[in-house]
Amino acid sequence: MRKKLTTVLLLLVMFTGLSLLLYPTVSDYWNSYHQSRAIAAYTEGVSQMDAAEYGSMMEDAEAYNSRLLEKKENRYRLTEAEEEEYNSLLDVTGTGIMGYVEIPKLKMSLPIYHGTEDT
């Protein structure tokens, strides 16, 4: 019985160690996979837009930015309506992605999400 308990504990410790050792690699792969899928969906959505729709989106975003500059008090605090408007701007796919950044030297592409939360 004692030998069986020792074997189980040893296997548990080995499994825990292996999990801790592999976590960064698996996590990096998982995040890269989801980021690349999100970027592919965004790119697909943008490529299917016509020029008028694209121009309208850009005009709306520029108008929003202009209104922010005119706002003197609490410029950095958005009301619920302003936050809702911001989250709808440049959101082609409905996932909250408004673009992506490519870093060629690192061979990396990262999606740009609205806001600073949930990322």
C-alpha atoms as a PDB file:
ATOM      1  CA  MET A   1       0.000   0.000   0.000  1.00  0.00           C
ATOM      2  CA  ARG A   2       2.819   2.413   0.876  1.00  0.00           C
ATOM      3  CA  LYS A   3       4.581   1.686  -2.423  1.00  0.00           C
ATOM      4  CA  LYS A   4       1.375   2.403  -4.339  1.00  0.00           C
ATOM      5  CA  LEU A   5       0.922   5.730  -2.506  1.00  0.00           C
ATOM      6  CA  THR A   6       4.536   6.687  -3.244  1.00  0.00           C
ATOM      7  CA  THR A   7       4.040   5.869  -6.923  1.00  0.00           C
ATOM      8  CA  VAL A   8       0.859   7.960  -7.105  1.00  0.00           C
ATOM      9  CA  LEU A   9       2.539  10.914  -5.366  1.00  0.00           C
ATOM     10  CA  LEU A  10       5.570  10.648  -7.643  1.00  0.00           C
ATOM     11  CA  LEU A  11       3.356  10.617 -10.737  1.00  0.00           C
ATOM     12  CA  LEU A  12       1.389  13.578  -9.396  1.00  0.00           C
ATOM     13  CA  VAL A  13       4.579  15.573  -8.781  1.00  0.00           C
ATOM     14  CA  MET A  14       5.907  14.660 -12.246  1.00  0.00           C
ATOM     15  CA  PHE A  15       2.630  15.654 -13.896  1.00  0.00           C
ATOM     16  CA  THR A  16       2.572  18.962 -12.005  1.00  0.00           C
ATOM     17  CA  GLY A  17       6.186  19.677 -12.967  1.00  0.00           C
ATOM     18  CA  LEU A  18       5.553  18.803 -16.602  1.00  0.00           C
ATOM     19  CA  SER A  19       2.455  21.028 -16.620  1.00  0.00           C
ATOM     20  CA  LEU A  20       4.421  23.947 -15.190  1.00  0.00           C
ATOM     21  CA  LEU A  21       7.205  23.357 -17.684  1.00  0.00           C
ATOM     22  CA  LEU A  22       4.888  23.215 -20.709  1.00  0.00           C
ATOM     23  CA  TYR A  23       2.485  26.001 -19.670  1.00  0.00           C
ATOM     24  CA  PRO A  24       4.368  28.919 -21.324  1.00  0.00           C
ATOM     25  CA  THR A  25       4.719  27.068 -24.623  1.00  0.00           C
ATOM     26  CA  VAL A  26       1.119  25.878 -24.746  1.00  0.00           C
ATOM     27  CA  SER A  27      -0.177  29.291 -23.643  1.00  0.00           C
ATOM     28  CA  ASP A  28       1.881  31.083 -26.301  1.00  0.00           C
ATOM     29  CA  TYR A  29       0.645  28.713 -28.999  1.00  0.00           C
ATOM     30  CA  TRP A  30      -2.980  29.121 -27.846  1.00  0.00           C
ATOM     31  CA  ASN A  31      -2.798  32.931 -27.810  1.00  0.00           C
ATOM     32  CA  SER A  32      -0.990  33.086 -31.160  1.00  0.00           C
ATOM     33  CA  TYR A  33      -3.598  30.822 -32.716  1.00  0.00           C
ATOM     34  CA  HIS A  34      -6.508  32.963 -31.504  1.00  0.00           C
ATOM     35  CA  GLN A  35      -4.789  36.218 -32.461  1.00  0.00           C
ATOM     36  CA  SER A  36      -4.050  34.979 -35.971  1.00  0.00           C
ATOM     37  CA  ARG A  37      -7.665  33.845 -36.400  1.00  0.00           C
ATOM     38  CA  ALA A  38      -8.945  37.220 -35.168  1.00  0.00           C
ATOM     39  CA  ILE A  39      -6.637  39.082 -37.554  1.00  0.00           C
ATOM     40  CA  ALA A  40      -7.663  36.843 -40.452  1.00  0.00           C
ATOM     41  CA  ALA A  41     -11.355  37.509 -39.729  1.00  0.00           C
ATOM     42  CA  TYR A  42     -10.688  41.256 -39.498  1.00  0.00           C
ATOM     43  CA  THR A  43      -8.708  41.274 -42.762  1.00  0.00           C
ATOM     44  CA  GLU A  44     -11.482  39.327 -44.465  1.00  0.00           C
ATOM     45  CA  GLY A  45     -14.099  41.781 -43.179  1.00  0.00           C
ATOM     46  CA  VAL A  46     -12.129  44.813 -44.369  1.00  0.00           C
ATOM     47  CA  SER A  47     -11.483  43.275 -47.788  1.00  0.00           C
ATOM     48  CA  GLN A  48     -15.230  42.764 -48.278  1.00  0.00           C
ATOM     49  CA  MET A  49     -16.046  46.431 -47.565  1.00  0.00           C
ATOM     50  CA  ASP A  50     -16.659  48.784 -50.447  1.00  0.00           C
ATOM     51  CA  ALA A  51     -14.944  52.179 -50.664  1.00  0.00           C
ATOM     52  CA  ALA A  52     -18.052  54.126 -49.599  1.00  0.00           C
ATOM     53  CA  GLU A  53     -18.542  52.021 -46.467  1.00  0.00           C
ATOM     54  CA  TYR A  54     -14.843  52.313 -45.612  1.00  0.00           C
ATOM     55  CA  GLY A  55     -14.921  56.092 -46.132  1.00  0.00           C
ATOM     56  CA  SER A  56     -18.017  56.425 -43.970  1.00  0.00           C
ATOM     57  CA  MET A  57     -16.365  54.486 -41.139  1.00  0.00           C
ATOM     58  CA  MET A  58     -13.265  56.661 -41.290  1.00  0.00           C
ATOM     59  CA  GLU A  59     -15.355  59.866 -41.325  1.00  0.00           C
ATOM     60  CA  ASP A  60     -17.293  58.678 -38.266  1.00  0.00           C
ATOM     61  CA  ALA A  61     -14.040  57.927 -36.428  1.00  0.00           C
ATOM     62  CA  GLU A  62     -12.550  61.311 -37.343  1.00  0.00           C
ATOM     63  CA  ALA A  63     -15.734  63.102 -36.227  1.00  0.00           C
ATOM     64  CA  TYR A  64     -15.605  61.236 -32.910  1.00  0.00           C
ATOM     65  CA  ASN A  65     -11.969  62.246 -32.395  1.00  0.00           C
ATOM     66  CA  SER A  66     -12.812  65.883 -33.194  1.00  0.00           C
ATOM     67  CA  ARG A  67     -15.615  65.856 -30.618  1.00  0.00           C
ATOM     68  CA  LEU A  68     -13.164  64.524 -28.034  1.00  0.00           C
ATOM     69  CA  LEU A  69     -10.815  67.436 -28.702  1.00  0.00           C
ATOM     70  CA  GLU A  70     -13.649  69.930 -28.244  1.00  0.00           C
ATOM     71  CA  LYS A  71     -14.617  68.364 -24.938  1.00  0.00           C
ATOM     72  CA  LYS A  72     -12.796  70.332 -22.230  1.00  0.00           C
ATOM     73  CA  GLU A  73     -13.946  68.730 -18.977  1.00  0.00           C
ATOM     74  CA  ASN A  74     -13.524  65.027 -18.318  1.00  0.00           C
ATOM     75  CA  ARG A  75     -12.031  64.431 -21.750  1.00  0.00           C
ATOM     76  CA  TYR A  76     -10.653  61.102 -20.573  1.00  0.00           C
ATOM     77  CA  ARG A  77     -13.845  59.940 -18.872  1.00  0.00           C
ATOM     78  CA  LEU A  78     -16.479  58.743 -21.287  1.00  0.00           C
ATOM     79  CA  THR A  79     -20.181  58.608 -20.587  1.00  0.00           C
ATOM     80  CA  GLU A  80     -21.955  55.341 -21.306  1.00  0.00           C
ATOM     81  CA  ALA A  81     -23.258  56.710 -24.602  1.00  0.00           C
ATOM     82  CA  GLU A  82     -19.789  57.901 -25.636  1.00  0.00           C
ATOM     83  CA  GLU A  83     -18.247  54.575 -24.696  1.00  0.00           C
ATOM     84  CA  GLU A  84     -20.894  52.705 -26.681  1.00  0.00           C
ATOM     85  CA  GLU A  85     -20.236  54.949 -29.679  1.00  0.00           C
ATOM     86  CA  TYR A  86     -16.471  54.433 -29.343  1.00  0.00           C
ATOM     87  CA  ASN A  87     -16.847  50.661 -29.205  1.00  0.00           C
ATOM     88  CA  SER A  88     -18.944  50.689 -32.384  1.00  0.00           C
ATOM     89  CA  LEU A  89     -16.407  52.725 -34.392  1.00  0.00           C
ATOM     90  CA  LEU A  90     -14.098  50.840 -36.759  1.00  0.00           C
ATOM     91  CA  ASP A  91     -15.521  47.529 -35.515  1.00  0.00           C
ATOM     92  CA  VAL A  92     -15.756  45.760 -38.856  1.00  0.00           C
ATOM     93  CA  THR A  93     -16.289  42.211 -37.600  1.00  0.00           C
ATOM     94  CA  GLY A  94     -18.226  42.929 -34.402  1.00  0.00           C
ATOM     95  CA  THR A  95     -15.461  41.431 -32.254  1.00  0.00           C
ATOM     96  CA  GLY A  96     -14.024  44.676 -30.905  1.00  0.00           C
ATOM     97  CA  ILE A  97     -10.970  44.616 -33.169  1.00  0.00           C
ATOM     98  CA  MET A  98     -10.320  47.933 -34.892  1.00  0.00           C
ATOM     99  CA  GLY A  99      -7.046  47.029 -36.565  1.00  0.00           C
ATOM    100  CA  TYR A 100      -3.804  45.174 -36.084  1.00  0.00           C
ATOM    101  CA  VAL A 101      -0.108  45.906 -35.796  1.00  0.00           C
ATOM    102  CA  GLU A 102       2.575  43.986 -37.653  1.00  0.00           C
ATOM    103  CA  ILE A 103       6.076  43.826 -36.194  1.00  0.00           C
ATOM    104  CA  PRO A 104       8.213  42.277 -38.958  1.00  0.00           C
ATOM    105  CA  LYS A 105      11.444  42.017 -36.934  1.00  0.00           C
ATOM    106  CA  LEU A 106       9.630  39.904 -34.347  1.00  0.00           C
ATOM    107  CA  LYS A 107       7.495  38.137 -36.970  1.00  0.00           C
ATOM    108  CA  MET A 108       4.456  39.120 -34.955  1.00  0.00           C
ATOM    109  CA  SER A 109       0.978  40.481 -35.673  1.00  0.00           C
ATOM    110  CA  LEU A 110      -1.183  41.721 -32.804  1.00  0.00           C
ATOM    111  CA  PRO A 111      -4.849  42.757 -32.937  1.00  0.00           C
ATOM    112  CA  ILE A 112      -5.813  46.208 -31.626  1.00  0.00           C
ATOM    113  CA  TYR A 113      -8.942  46.114 -29.482  1.00  0.00           C
ATOM    114  CA  HIS A 114     -11.110  49.009 -28.334  1.00  0.00           C
ATOM    115  CA  GLY A 115     -10.349  50.289 -24.843  1.00  0.00           C
ATOM    116  CA  THR A 116      -7.963  48.961 -22.255  1.00  0.00           C
ATOM    117  CA  GLU A 117     -10.093  46.334 -20.547  1.00  0.00           C
ATOM    118  CA  ASP A 118     -10.512  42.658 -21.433  1.00  0.00           C
ATOM    119  CA  THR A 119      -7.084  42.358 -23.051  1.00  0.00           C
END
